[in-house]
Amino acid sequence: MMIIKEVEDDSVKKWQTELTNSTKGKITKYFFPDVKERLNMNINLTQSFTAMVTGHGKTNSYLHRFKIIKAST
């Protein structure tokens, strides 16, 4: 069991380093800057929640970014 815990801890540290050093995922990092803290949360993952924290929802700013609508309001 101790080895499993060490591997899990090491994985979380590596994940945190990747998240911190990445230039992508700014919105997700805004909501969840700490991997370990996020893993301890009990979150009901829905389509709307995922769209919100990834910035890939059908919002005006998202639709404007892909030139689907003319202006972001």
Protein backbone atom coordinates (compact mmCIF):
# COMPACT_ATOMS: atom_id res chain seq x y z
CA MET A 1 0.00 0.00 0.00
CA MET A 2 2.84 2.41 0.74
CA ILE A 3 4.22 1.99 -2.79
CA ILE A 4 0.81 2.81 -4.29
CA LYS A 5 0.60 6.00 -2.23
CA GLU A 6 4.11 7.03 -3.33
CA VAL A 7 3.25 6.45 -6.99
CA GLU A 8 0.00 8.41 -6.61
CA ASP A 9 1.81 11.30 -4.91
CA ASP A 10 4.49 11.34 -7.61
CA SER A 11 1.83 11.34 -10.33
CA VAL A 12 0.02 14.28 -8.73
CA LYS A 13 3.30 16.22 -8.49
CA LYS A 14 4.06 15.57 -12.16
CA TRP A 15 0.52 16.55 -13.13
CA GLN A 16 0.83 19.77 -11.12
CA THR A 17 4.12 20.60 -12.84
CA GLU A 18 2.57 20.02 -16.27
CA LEU A 19 -0.44 22.17 -15.36
CA THR A 20 1.71 24.97 -13.97
CA ASN A 21 4.07 25.03 -16.96
CA SER A 22 1.38 24.70 -19.64
CA THR A 23 0.31 27.72 -21.66
CA LYS A 24 -3.03 26.04 -22.35
CA GLY A 25 -6.07 25.60 -20.15
CA LYS A 26 -6.13 29.11 -18.68
CA ILE A 27 -9.81 28.94 -17.76
CA THR A 28 -9.48 25.52 -16.15
CA LYS A 29 -6.39 26.68 -14.23
CA TYR A 30 -8.37 29.68 -13.01
CA PHE A 31 -10.98 27.40 -11.41
CA PHE A 32 -8.59 24.59 -10.38
CA PRO A 33 -5.02 25.85 -9.94
CA ASP A 34 -4.08 23.04 -7.53
CA VAL A 35 -4.34 19.43 -8.75
CA LYS A 36 -4.26 17.86 -5.28
CA GLU A 37 -7.01 20.15 -4.00
CA ARG A 38 -9.14 19.45 -7.10
CA LEU A 39 -8.77 15.69 -6.65
CA ASN A 40 -10.12 16.01 -3.10
CA MET A 41 -13.29 17.74 -4.33
CA ASN A 42 -16.49 15.86 -5.03
CA ILE A 43 -17.74 17.46 -8.24
CA ASN A 44 -20.78 16.41 -10.22
CA LEU A 45 -19.40 16.53 -13.75
CA THR A 46 -22.05 17.61 -16.22
CA GLN A 47 -21.86 18.83 -19.79
CA SER A 48 -22.57 22.40 -18.68
CA PHE A 49 -19.94 22.30 -15.93
CA THR A 50 -17.30 20.92 -18.28
CA ALA A 51 -18.13 23.56 -20.90
CA MET A 52 -17.78 26.31 -18.31
CA VAL A 53 -14.42 25.29 -16.84
CA THR A 54 -12.86 24.49 -20.22
CA GLY A 55 -14.16 27.58 -22.02
CA HIS A 56 -15.75 25.45 -24.74
CA GLY A 57 -19.41 26.28 -24.16
CA LYS A 58 -21.84 27.90 -26.53
CA THR A 59 -21.29 31.35 -25.07
CA ASN A 60 -21.18 34.54 -27.12
CA SER A 61 -17.43 34.92 -26.61
CA TYR A 62 -16.80 31.32 -27.69
CA LEU A 63 -19.03 31.63 -30.77
CA HIS A 64 -17.39 34.94 -31.71
CA ARG A 65 -13.93 33.41 -31.37
CA PHE A 66 -14.81 30.96 -34.13
CA LYS A 67 -16.60 33.63 -36.18
CA ILE A 68 -19.98 31.94 -35.79
CA ILE A 69 -21.50 35.24 -34.62
CA LYS A 70 -20.40 38.78 -35.48
CA ALA A 71 -19.82 40.34 -32.08
CA SER A 72 -19.26 39.19 -28.53
CA THR A 73 -21.75 40.88 -26.20
